Amino acid sequence: MATFKHISVVTLATDLEAGTPVVVLDVRDPGSFAGGRVPGALRLDNNSAPQIIATANKTAKTVVCCYHGHSSQGAAQFLAEQGFTDVYSLDGGVTMWAMSQTCETA
């Protein structure tokens, strides 16, 4: 069975700063997403999931984030089961990201 991996905030920040192609998907509610997110993140929910799954490069490094790194694990596993081959859950979530990095806002 396909599965996801874990990624730290430090590793994700290093990848983004280096210009490494990374797709960041955020599963938090719309208000939290608008209030601050990993730069370039897209919101993943039940409405956007079919479009993202249909159009995404499934071999691209894909990082799923949530509040604290728990809900993102289920979403990352779901994406792995949909054929995504390089999918990660962000350890500590956006909360950890906000403590160590700058968040983008709407």
PDB file of N, CA and C in Angstrom:
ATOM      1  N   MET A   1       0.843  -1.181   0.000  1.00  0.00           N
ATOM      2  CA  MET A   1       0.000   0.000   0.000  1.00  0.00           C
ATOM      3  C   MET A   1       0.892   1.249   0.000  1.00  0.00           C
ATOM      4  N   ALA A   2       0.525   2.230  -0.823  1.00  0.00           N
ATOM      5  CA  ALA A   2       1.245   3.505  -0.863  1.00  0.00           C
ATOM      6  C   ALA A   2       1.044   4.243   0.447  1.00  0.00           C
ATOM      7  N   THR A   3       2.055   4.986   0.838  1.00  0.00           N
ATOM      8  CA  THR A   3       1.950   5.744   2.076  1.00  0.00           C
ATOM      9  C   THR A   3       2.695   7.066   1.941  1.00  0.00           C
ATOM     10  N   PHE A   4       2.529   7.915   2.923  1.00  0.00           N
ATOM     11  CA  PHE A   4       3.163   9.221   2.950  1.00  0.00           C
ATOM     12  C   PHE A   4       4.377   9.201   3.870  1.00  0.00           C
ATOM     13  N   LYS A   5       5.148  10.288   3.814  1.00  0.00           N
ATOM     14  CA  LYS A   5       6.298  10.473   4.690  1.00  0.00           C
ATOM     15  C   LYS A   5       6.070  11.729   5.529  1.00  0.00           C
ATOM     16  N   HIS A   6       6.965  11.979   6.432  1.00  0.00           N
ATOM     17  CA  HIS A   6       6.907  13.185   7.255  1.00  0.00           C
ATOM     18  C   HIS A   6       7.999  14.146   6.809  1.00  0.00           C
ATOM     19  N   ILE A   7       7.734  15.452   6.989  1.00  0.00           N
ATOM     20  CA  ILE A   7       8.727  16.478   6.673  1.00  0.00           C
ATOM     21  C   ILE A   7       8.702  17.517   7.788  1.00  0.00           C
ATOM     22  N   SER A   8       9.868  18.005   8.147  1.00  0.00           N
ATOM     23  CA  SER A   8       9.960  19.023   9.191  1.00  0.00           C
ATOM     24  C   SER A   8       9.779  20.410   8.591  1.00  0.00           C
ATOM     25  N   VAL A   9       9.448  21.362   9.428  1.00  0.00           N
ATOM     26  CA  VAL A   9       9.336  22.756   9.022  1.00  0.00           C
ATOM     27  C   VAL A   9      10.662  23.239   8.450  1.00  0.00           C
ATOM     28  N   VAL A  10      11.762  22.852   9.071  1.00  0.00           N
ATOM     29  CA  VAL A  10      13.088  23.276   8.616  1.00  0.00           C
ATOM     30  C   VAL A  10      13.363  22.760   7.204  1.00  0.00           C
ATOM     31  N   THR A  11      13.057  21.497   6.949  1.00  0.00           N
ATOM     32  CA  THR A  11      13.290  20.927   5.625  1.00  0.00           C
ATOM     33  C   THR A  11      12.402  21.592   4.580  1.00  0.00           C
ATOM     34  N   LEU A  12      11.136  21.818   4.899  1.00  0.00           N
ATOM     35  CA  LEU A  12      10.243  22.486   3.956  1.00  0.00           C
ATOM     36  C   LEU A  12      10.734  23.901   3.675  1.00  0.00           C
ATOM     37  N   ALA A  13      11.123  24.629   4.701  1.00  0.00           N
ATOM     38  CA  ALA A  13      11.625  25.994   4.507  1.00  0.00           C
ATOM     39  C   ALA A  13      12.868  25.989   3.625  1.00  0.00           C
ATOM     40  N   THR A  14      13.755  25.062   3.848  1.00  0.00           N
ATOM     41  CA  THR A  14      14.974  24.948   3.040  1.00  0.00           C
ATOM     42  C   THR A  14      14.623  24.671   1.584  1.00  0.00           C
ATOM     43  N   ASP A  15      13.679  23.754   1.358  1.00  0.00           N
ATOM     44  CA  ASP A  15      13.243  23.443  -0.002  1.00  0.00           C
ATOM     45  C   ASP A  15      12.658  24.677  -0.684  1.00  0.00           C
ATOM     46  N   LEU A  16      11.782  25.397   0.013  1.00  0.00           N
ATOM     47  CA  LEU A  16      11.141  26.574  -0.573  1.00  0.00           C
ATOM     48  C   LEU A  16      12.164  27.673  -0.862  1.00  0.00           C
ATOM     49  N   GLU A  17      13.078  27.887   0.066  1.00  0.00           N
ATOM     50  CA  GLU A  17      14.112  28.919  -0.122  1.00  0.00           C
ATOM     51  C   GLU A  17      15.041  28.570  -1.279  1.00  0.00           C
ATOM     52  N   ALA A  18      15.277  27.282  -1.496  1.00  0.00           N
ATOM     53  CA  ALA A  18      16.160  26.834  -2.568  1.00  0.00           C
ATOM     54  C   ALA A  18      15.455  26.823  -3.930  1.00  0.00           C
ATOM     55  N   GLY A  19      14.155  27.051  -3.920  1.00  0.00           N
ATOM     56  CA  GLY A  19      13.412  27.020  -5.169  1.00  0.00           C
ATOM     57  C   GLY A  19      13.033  25.624  -5.626  1.00  0.00           C
ATOM     58  N   THR A  20      13.159  24.659  -4.731  1.00  0.00           N
ATOM     59  CA  THR A  20      12.752  23.288  -5.054  1.00  0.00           C
ATOM     60  C   THR A  20      11.247  23.284  -5.311  1.00  0.00           C
ATOM     61  N   PRO A  21      10.811  22.687  -6.411  1.00  0.00           N
ATOM     62  CA  PRO A  21       9.368  22.641  -6.674  1.00  0.00           C
ATOM     63  C   PRO A  21       8.649  21.818  -5.597  1.00  0.00           C
ATOM     64  N   VAL A  22       7.768  22.477  -4.880  1.00  0.00           N
ATOM     65  CA  VAL A  22       6.984  21.833  -3.822  1.00  0.00           C
ATOM     66  C   VAL A  22       5.550  22.332  -3.939  1.00  0.00           C
ATOM     67  N   VAL A  23       4.598  21.406  -3.925  1.00  0.00           N
ATOM     68  CA  VAL A  23       3.188  21.762  -3.862  1.00  0.00           C
ATOM     69  C   VAL A  23       2.779  21.644  -2.395  1.00  0.00           C
ATOM     70  N   VAL A  24       2.272  22.735  -1.826  1.00  0.00           N
ATOM     71  CA  VAL A  24       1.834  22.727  -0.430  1.00  0.00           C
ATOM     72  C   VAL A  24       0.314  22.807  -0.417  1.00  0.00           C
ATOM     73  N   LEU A  25      -0.312  21.837   0.238  1.00  0.00           N
ATOM     74  CA  LEU A  25      -1.763  21.773   0.347  1.00  0.00           C
ATOM     75  C   LEU A  25      -2.148  21.914   1.816  1.00  0.00           C
ATOM     76  N   ASP A  26      -3.076  22.813   2.103  1.00  0.00           N
ATOM     77  CA  ASP A  26      -3.480  23.145   3.470  1.00  0.00           C
ATOM     78  C   ASP A  26      -4.918  22.685   3.675  1.00  0.00           C
ATOM     79  N   VAL A  27      -5.157  21.844   4.680  1.00  0.00           N
ATOM     80  CA  VAL A  27      -6.488  21.282   4.915  1.00  0.00           C
ATOM     81  C   VAL A  27      -7.283  22.025   5.986  1.00  0.00           C
ATOM     82  N   ARG A  28      -6.773  23.159   6.460  1.00  0.00           N
ATOM     83  CA  ARG A  28      -7.491  23.905   7.496  1.00  0.00           C
ATOM     84  C   ARG A  28      -8.709  24.638   6.924  1.00  0.00           C
ATOM     85  N   ASP A  29      -9.555  25.147   7.817  1.00  0.00           N
ATOM     86  CA  ASP A  29     -10.767  25.851   7.409  1.00  0.00           C
ATOM     87  C   ASP A  29     -10.421  27.157   6.687  1.00  0.00           C
ATOM     88  N   PRO A  30     -11.360  27.704   5.908  1.00  0.00           N
ATOM     89  CA  PRO A  30     -11.084  28.896   5.105  1.00  0.00           C
ATOM     90  C   PRO A  30     -10.578  30.102   5.914  1.00  0.00           C
ATOM     91  N   GLY A  31     -11.144  30.339   7.086  1.00  0.00           N
ATOM     92  CA  GLY A  31     -10.714  31.478   7.897  1.00  0.00           C
ATOM     93  C   GLY A  31      -9.282  31.341   8.371  1.00  0.00           C
ATOM     94  N   SER A  32      -8.914  30.164   8.820  1.00  0.00           N
ATOM     95  CA  SER A  32      -7.540  29.926   9.267  1.00  0.00           C
ATOM     96  C   SER A  32      -6.578  30.027   8.098  1.00  0.00           C
ATOM     97  N   PHE A  33      -6.967  29.481   6.952  1.00  0.00           N
ATOM     98  CA  PHE A  33      -6.141  29.552   5.752  1.00  0.00           C
ATOM     99  C   PHE A  33      -5.892  31.010   5.359  1.00  0.00           C
ATOM    100  N   ALA A  34      -6.955  31.820   5.371  1.00  0.00           N
ATOM    101  CA  ALA A  34      -6.833  33.228   5.005  1.00  0.00           C
ATOM    102  C   ALA A  34      -5.984  33.998   6.014  1.00  0.00           C
ATOM    103  N   GLY A  35      -6.001  33.560   7.268  1.00  0.00           N
ATOM    104  CA  GLY A  35      -5.273  34.253   8.326  1.00  0.00           C
ATOM    105  C   GLY A  35      -3.779  34.017   8.319  1.00  0.00           C
ATOM    106  N   GLY A  36      -3.312  33.000   7.640  1.00  0.00           N
ATOM    107  CA  GLY A  36      -1.883  32.728   7.569  1.00  0.00           C
ATOM    108  C   GLY A  36      -1.628  31.303   7.133  1.00  0.00           C
ATOM    109  N   ARG A  37      -0.670  31.157   6.207  1.00  0.00           N
ATOM    110  CA  ARG A  37      -0.379  29.838   5.653  1.00  0.00           C
ATOM    111  C   ARG A  37       1.054  29.804   5.148  1.00  0.00           C
ATOM    112  N   VAL A  38       1.513  28.628   4.827  1.00  0.00           N
ATOM    113  CA  VAL A  38       2.810  28.462   4.190  1.00  0.00           C
ATOM    114  C   VAL A  38       2.726  29.178   2.837  1.00  0.00           C
ATOM    115  N   PRO A  39       3.712  29.996   2.492  1.00  0.00           N
ATOM    116  CA  PRO A  39       3.660  30.720   1.218  1.00  0.00           C
ATOM    117  C   PRO A  39       3.418  29.786   0.028  1.00  0.00           C
ATOM    118  N   GLY A  40       2.460  30.183  -0.806  1.00  0.00           N
ATOM    119  CA  GLY A  40       2.134  29.415  -2.001  1.00  0.00           C
ATOM    120  C   GLY A  40       1.182  28.261  -1.783  1.00  0.00           C
ATOM    121  N   ALA A  41       0.739  28.058  -0.548  1.00  0.00           N
ATOM    122  CA  ALA A  41      -0.141  26.919  -0.256  1.00  0.00           C
ATOM    123  C   ALA A  41      -1.491  27.067  -0.956  1.00  0.00           C
ATOM    124  N   LEU A  42      -2.037  25.929  -1.325  1.00  0.00           N
ATOM    125  CA  LEU A  42      -3.382  25.840  -1.880  1.00  0.00           C
ATOM    126  C   LEU A  42      -4.272  25.181  -0.846  1.00  0.00           C
ATOM    127  N   ARG A  43      -5.521  25.576  -0.803  1.00  0.00           N
ATOM    128  CA  ARG A  43      -6.442  24.972   0.156  1.00  0.00           C
ATOM    129  C   ARG A  43      -7.006  23.682  -0.421  1.00  0.00           C
ATOM    130  N   LEU A  44      -6.904  22.617   0.361  1.00  0.00           N
ATOM    131  CA  LEU A  44      -7.428  21.301  -0.014  1.00  0.00           C
ATOM    132  C   LEU A  44      -8.622  20.993   0.877  1.00  0.00           C
ATOM    133  N   ASP A  45      -9.785  20.836   0.261  1.00  0.00           N
ATOM    134  CA  ASP A  45     -10.978  20.438   1.002  1.00  0.00           C
ATOM    135  C   ASP A  45     -11.799  19.513   0.108  1.00  0.00           C
ATOM    136  N   ASN A  46     -12.965  19.142   0.566  1.00  0.00           N
ATOM    137  CA  ASN A  46     -13.791  18.208  -0.210  1.00  0.00           C
ATOM    138  C   ASN A  46     -14.171  18.775  -1.571  1.00  0.00           C
ATOM    139  N   ASN A  47     -14.295  20.101  -1.673  1.00  0.00           N
ATOM    140  CA  ASN A  47     -14.666  20.722  -2.939  1.00  0.00           C
ATOM    141  C   ASN A  47     -13.495  20.804  -3.913  1.00  0.00           C
ATOM    142  N   SER A  48     -12.302  21.094  -3.410  1.00  0.00           N
ATOM    143  CA  SER A  48     -11.143  21.274  -4.288  1.00  0.00           C
ATOM    144  C   SER A  48     -10.406  19.966  -4.578  1.00  0.00           C
ATOM    145  N   ALA A  49     -10.598  18.954  -3.758  1.00  0.00           N
ATOM    146  CA  ALA A  49      -9.849  17.699  -3.908  1.00  0.00           C
ATOM    147  C   ALA A  49      -9.983  17.067  -5.292  1.00  0.00           C
ATOM    148  N   PRO A  50     -11.193  16.930  -5.854  1.00  0.00           N
ATOM    149  CA  PRO A  50     -11.281  16.288  -7.169  1.00  0.00           C
ATOM    150  C   PRO A  50     -10.473  17.026  -8.245  1.00  0.00           C
ATOM    151  N   GLN A  51     -10.518  18.347  -8.243  1.00  0.00           N
ATOM    152  CA  GLN A  51      -9.776  19.138  -9.224  1.00  0.00           C
ATOM    153  C   GLN A  51      -8.271  18.989  -9.012  1.00  0.00           C
ATOM    154  N   ILE A  52      -7.841  19.055  -7.764  1.00  0.00           N
ATOM    155  CA  ILE A  52      -6.409  18.923  -7.462  1.00  0.00           C
ATOM    156  C   ILE A  52      -5.919  17.537  -7.882  1.00  0.00           C
ATOM    157  N   ILE A  53      -6.666  16.509  -7.545  1.00  0.00           N
ATOM    158  CA  ILE A  53      -6.268  15.143  -7.895  1.00  0.00           C
ATOM    159  C   ILE A  53      -6.223  14.959  -9.414  1.00  0.00           C
ATOM    160  N   ALA A  54      -7.182  15.553 -10.114  1.00  0.00           N
ATOM    161  CA  ALA A  54      -7.257  15.383 -11.564  1.00  0.00           C
ATOM    162  C   ALA A  54      -6.149  16.129 -12.310  1.00  0.00           C
ATOM    163  N   THR A  55      -5.689  17.248 -11.771  1.00  0.00           N
ATOM    164  CA  THR A  55      -4.752  18.095 -12.522  1.00  0.00           C
ATOM    165  C   THR A  55      -3.330  18.115 -11.965  1.00  0.00           C
ATOM    166  N   ALA A  56      -3.123  17.588 -10.787  1.00  0.00           N
ATOM    167  CA  ALA A  56      -1.802  17.676 -10.139  1.00  0.00           C
ATOM    168  C   ALA A  56      -0.776  16.772 -10.808  1.00  0.00           C
ATOM    169  N   ASN A  57       0.468  17.193 -10.711  1.00  0.00           N
ATOM    170  CA  ASN A  57       1.592  16.328 -11.084  1.00  0.00           C
ATOM    171  C   ASN A  57       1.792  15.386  -9.896  1.00  0.00           C
ATOM    172  N   LYS A  58       1.385  14.161 -10.045  1.00  0.00           N
ATOM    173  CA  LYS A  58       1.389  13.219  -8.922  1.00  0.00           C
ATOM    174  C   LYS A  58       2.783  12.758  -8.520  1.00  0.00           C
ATOM    175  N   THR A  59       3.797  13.111  -9.299  1.00  0.00           N
ATOM    176  CA  THR A  59       5.168  12.771  -8.920  1.00  0.00           C
ATOM    177  C   THR A  59       5.881  13.950  -8.249  1.00  0.00           C
ATOM    178  N   ALA A  60       5.228  15.117  -8.213  1.00  0.00           N
ATOM    179  CA  ALA A  60       5.832  16.297  -7.581  1.00  0.00           C
ATOM    180  C   ALA A  60       5.849  16.136  -6.063  1.00  0.00           C
ATOM    181  N   LYS A  61       6.829  16.748  -5.423  1.00  0.00           N
ATOM    182  CA  LYS A  61       6.881  16.760  -3.961  1.00  0.00           C
ATOM    183  C   LYS A  61       5.656  17.523  -3.473  1.00  0.00           C
ATOM    184  N   THR A  62       4.809  16.855  -2.706  1.00  0.00           N
ATOM    185  CA  THR A  62       3.554  17.420  -2.223  1.00  0.00           C
ATOM    186  C   THR A  62       3.541  17.354  -0.706  1.00  0.00           C
ATOM    187  N   VAL A  63       3.366  18.505  -0.063  1.00  0.00           N
ATOM    188  CA  VAL A  63       3.360  18.592   1.394  1.00  0.00           C
ATOM    189  C   VAL A  63       1.971  19.017   1.848  1.00  0.00           C
ATOM    190  N   VAL A  64       1.370  18.241   2.736  1.00  0.00           N
ATOM    191  CA  VAL A  64       0.056  18.544   3.281  1.00  0.00           C
ATOM    192  C   VAL A  64       0.239  19.086   4.693  1.00  0.00           C
ATOM    193  N   CYS A  65      -0.457  20.194   4.985  1.00  0.00           N
ATOM    194  CA  CYS A  65      -0.352  20.769   6.329  1.00  0.00           C
ATOM    195  C   CYS A  65      -1.736  21.046   6.902  1.00  0.00           C
ATOM    196  N   CYS A  66      -1.778  21.113   8.221  1.00  0.00           N
ATOM    197  CA  CYS A  66      -2.996  21.406   8.957  1.00  0.00           C
ATOM    198  C   CYS A  66      -2.592  22.284  10.145  1.00  0.00           C
ATOM    199  N   TYR A  67      -3.337  22.256  11.214  1.00  0.00           N
ATOM    200  CA  TYR A  67      -3.016  23.073  12.384  1.00  0.00           C
ATOM    201  C   TYR A  67      -1.746  22.600  13.096  1.00  0.00           C
ATOM    202  N   HIS A  68      -1.746  21.314  13.488  1.00  0.00           N
ATOM    203  CA  HIS A  68      -0.659  20.799  14.321  1.00  0.00           C
ATOM    204  C   HIS A  68       0.046  19.572  13.753  1.00  0.00           C
ATOM    205  N   GLY A  69      -0.331  19.138  12.562  1.00  0.00           N
ATOM    206  CA  GLY A  69       0.327  17.992  11.943  1.00  0.00           C
ATOM    207  C   GLY A  69      -0.386  16.669  12.150  1.00  0.00           C
ATOM    208  N   HIS A  70      -1.647  16.711  12.582  1.00  0.00           N
ATOM    209  CA  HIS A  70      -2.385  15.468  12.795  1.00  0.00           C
ATOM    210  C   HIS A  70      -3.350  15.183  11.641  1.00  0.00           C
ATOM    211  N   SER A  71      -4.233  16.122  11.343  1.00  0.00           N
ATOM    212  CA  SER A  71      -5.206  15.933  10.258  1.00  0.00           C
ATOM    213  C   SER A  71      -4.526  15.778   8.910  1.00  0.00           C
ATOM    214  N   SER A  72      -3.393  16.420   8.753  1.00  0.00           N
ATOM    215  CA  SER A  72      -2.676  16.344   7.478  1.00  0.00           C
ATOM    216  C   SER A  72      -2.215  14.923   7.174  1.00  0.00           C
ATOM    217  N   GLN A  73      -2.022  14.121   8.195  1.00  0.00           N
ATOM    218  CA  GLN A  73      -1.579  12.745   7.961  1.00  0.00           C
ATOM    219  C   GLN A  73      -2.639  11.945   7.222  1.00  0.00           C
ATOM    220  N   GLY A  74      -3.895  12.110   7.602  1.00  0.00           N
ATOM    221  CA  GLY A  74      -4.972  11.415   6.912  1.00  0.00           C
ATOM    222  C   GLY A  74      -5.112  11.877   5.472  1.00  0.00           C
ATOM    223  N   ALA A  75      -4.986  13.188   5.260  1.00  0.00           N
ATOM    224  CA  ALA A  75      -5.078  13.730   3.898  1.00  0.00           C
ATOM    225  C   ALA A  75      -3.887  13.279   3.063  1.00  0.00           C
ATOM    226  N   ALA A  76      -2.703  13.251   3.656  1.00  0.00           N
ATOM    227  CA  ALA A  76      -1.511  12.795   2.932  1.00  0.00           C
ATOM    228  C   ALA A  76      -1.653  11.324   2.554  1.00  0.00           C
ATOM    229  N   GLN A  77      -2.179  10.514   3.450  1.00  0.00           N
ATOM    230  CA  GLN A  77      -2.391   9.102   3.137  1.00  0.00           C
ATOM    231  C   GLN A  77      -3.403   8.944   2.005  1.00  0.00           C
ATOM    232  N   PHE A  78      -4.461   9.738   2.050  1.00  0.00           N
ATOM    233  CA  PHE A  78      -5.461   9.714   0.981  1.00  0.00           C
ATOM    234  C   PHE A  78      -4.815  10.036  -0.360  1.00  0.00           C
ATOM    235  N   LEU A  79      -3.972  11.077  -0.400  1.00  0.00           N
ATOM    236  CA  LEU A  79      -3.306  11.443  -1.652  1.00  0.00           C
ATOM    237  C   LEU A  79      -2.376  10.328  -2.124  1.00  0.00           C
ATOM    238  N   ALA A  80      -1.669   9.707  -1.194  1.00  0.00           N
ATOM    239  CA  ALA A  80      -0.797   8.584  -1.571  1.00  0.00           C
ATOM    240  C   ALA A  80      -1.621   7.468  -2.210  1.00  0.00           C
ATOM    241  N   GLU A  81      -2.788   7.216  -1.677  1.00  0.00           N
ATOM    242  CA  GLU A  81      -3.665   6.182  -2.222  1.00  0.00           C
ATOM    243  C   GLU A  81      -4.254   6.578  -3.572  1.00  0.00           C
ATOM    244  N   GLN A  82      -4.230   7.883  -3.889  1.00  0.00           N
ATOM    245  CA  GLN A  82      -4.714   8.374  -5.178  1.00  0.00           C
ATOM    246  C   GLN A  82      -3.604   8.414  -6.228  1.00  0.00           C
ATOM    247  N   GLY A  83      -2.416   7.928  -5.867  1.00  0.00           N
ATOM    248  CA  GLY A  83      -1.328   7.851  -6.831  1.00  0.00           C
ATOM    249  C   GLY A  83      -0.232   8.880  -6.670  1.00  0.00           C
ATOM    250  N   PHE A  84      -0.319   9.755  -5.673  1.00  0.00           N
ATOM    251  CA  PHE A  84       0.759  10.698  -5.414  1.00  0.00           C
ATOM    252  C   PHE A  84       1.940   9.907  -4.859  1.00  0.00           C
ATOM    253  N   THR A  85       3.116  10.101  -5.446  1.00  0.00           N
ATOM    254  CA  THR A  85       4.253   9.246  -5.105  1.00  0.00           C
ATOM    255  C   THR A  85       5.266   9.880  -4.162  1.00  0.00           C
ATOM    256  N   ASP A  86       5.184  11.205  -3.948  1.00  0.00           N
ATOM    257  CA  ASP A  86       6.152  11.898  -3.095  1.00  0.00           C
ATOM    258  C   ASP A  86       5.398  12.856  -2.186  1.00  0.00           C
ATOM    259  N   VAL A  87       4.579  12.293  -1.292  1.00  0.00           N
ATOM    260  CA  VAL A  87       3.681  13.090  -0.456  1.00  0.00           C
ATOM    261  C   VAL A  87       4.118  13.034   1.002  1.00  0.00           C
ATOM    262  N   TYR A  88       3.998  14.186   1.673  1.00  0.00           N
ATOM    263  CA  TYR A  88       4.473  14.362   3.044  1.00  0.00           C
ATOM    264  C   TYR A  88       3.408  15.027   3.902  1.00  0.00           C
ATOM    265  N   SER A  89       3.474  14.782   5.194  1.00  0.00           N
ATOM    266  CA  SER A  89       2.707  15.518   6.194  1.00  0.00           C
ATOM    267  C   SER A  89       3.695  16.418   6.928  1.00  0.00           C
ATOM    268  N   LEU A  90       3.322  17.697   7.083  1.00  0.00           N
ATOM    269  CA  LEU A  90       4.192  18.657   7.757  1.00  0.00           C
ATOM    270  C   LEU A  90       4.115  18.470   9.264  1.00  0.00           C
ATOM    271  N   ASP A  91       5.201  18.019   9.860  1.00  0.00           N
ATOM    272  CA  ASP A  91       5.250  17.825  11.310  1.00  0.00           C
ATOM    273  C   ASP A  91       5.074  19.164  12.024  1.00  0.00           C
ATOM    274  N   GLY A  92       4.144  19.203  12.958  1.00  0.00           N
ATOM    275  CA  GLY A  92       3.882  20.422  13.719  1.00  0.00           C
ATOM    276  C   GLY A  92       2.925  21.376  13.041  1.00  0.00           C
ATOM    277  N   GLY A  93       2.619  21.116  11.776  1.00  0.00           N
ATOM    278  CA  GLY A  93       1.631  21.897  11.049  1.00  0.00           C
ATOM    279  C   GLY A  93       1.961  23.373  10.909  1.00  0.00           C
ATOM    280  N   VAL A  94       0.930  24.144  10.583  1.00  0.00           N
ATOM    281  CA  VAL A  94       1.096  25.581  10.380  1.00  0.00           C
ATOM    282  C   VAL A  94       1.438  26.266  11.703  1.00  0.00           C
ATOM    283  N   THR A  95       1.042  25.684  12.801  1.00  0.00           N
ATOM    284  CA  THR A  95       1.401  26.254  14.101  1.00  0.00           C
ATOM    285  C   THR A  95       2.917  26.286  14.257  1.00  0.00           C
ATOM    286  N   MET A  96       3.576  25.183  13.947  1.00  0.00           N
ATOM    287  CA  MET A  96       5.039  25.129  14.029  1.00  0.00           C
ATOM    288  C   MET A  96       5.658  26.036  12.974  1.00  0.00           C
ATOM    289  N   TRP A  97       5.069  26.036  11.776  1.00  0.00           N
ATOM    290  CA  TRP A  97       5.571  26.909  10.711  1.00  0.00           C
ATOM    291  C   TRP A  97       5.546  28.368  11.175  1.00  0.00           C
ATOM    292  N   ALA A  98       4.417  28.808  11.738  1.00  0.00           N
ATOM    293  CA  ALA A  98       4.256  30.198  12.168  1.00  0.00           C
ATOM    294  C   ALA A  98       5.260  30.561  13.268  1.00  0.00           C
ATOM    295  N   MET A  99       5.635  29.599  14.083  1.00  0.00           N
ATOM    296  CA  MET A  99       6.602  29.860  15.154  1.00  0.00           C
ATOM    297  C   MET A  99       8.003  30.057  14.600  1.00  0.00           C
ATOM    298  N   SER A 100       8.267  29.523  13.408  1.00  0.00           N
ATOM    299  CA  SER A 100       9.634  29.560  12.908  1.00  0.00           C
ATOM    300  C   SER A 100       9.797  30.284  11.569  1.00  0.00           C
ATOM    301  N   GLN A 101       8.695  30.591  10.905  1.00  0.00           N
ATOM    302  CA  GLN A 101       8.760  31.184   9.568  1.00  0.00           C
ATOM    303  C   GLN A 101       7.694  32.273   9.433  1.00  0.00           C
ATOM    304  N   THR A 102       7.704  32.941   8.305  1.00  0.00           N
ATOM    305  CA  THR A 102       6.697  33.938   7.995  1.00  0.00           C
ATOM    306  C   THR A 102       5.535  33.270   7.278  1.00  0.00           C
ATOM    307  N   CYS A 103       4.317  33.618   7.698  1.00  0.00           N
ATOM    308  CA  CYS A 103       3.130  33.095   7.042  1.00  0.00           C
ATOM    309  C   CYS A 103       2.644  34.104   6.004  1.00  0.00           C
ATOM    310  N   GLU A 104       2.094  33.578   4.923  1.00  0.00           N
ATOM    311  CA  GLU A 104       1.473  34.391   3.899  1.00  0.00           C
ATOM    312  C   GLU A 104       0.012  34.570   4.302  1.00  0.00           C
ATOM    313  N   THR A 105      -0.556  35.740   4.056  1.00  0.00           N
ATOM    314  CA  THR A 105      -1.975  35.978   4.364  1.00  0.00           C
ATOM    315  C   THR A 105      -2.708  36.434   3.119  1.00  0.00           C
ATOM    316  N   ALA A 106      -4.019  36.332   3.194  1.00  0.00           N
ATOM    317  CA  ALA A 106      -4.854  36.701   2.034  1.00  0.00           C
ATOM    318  C   ALA A 106      -4.917  38.205   1.893  1.00  0.00           C
TER     319      ALA A 106
END
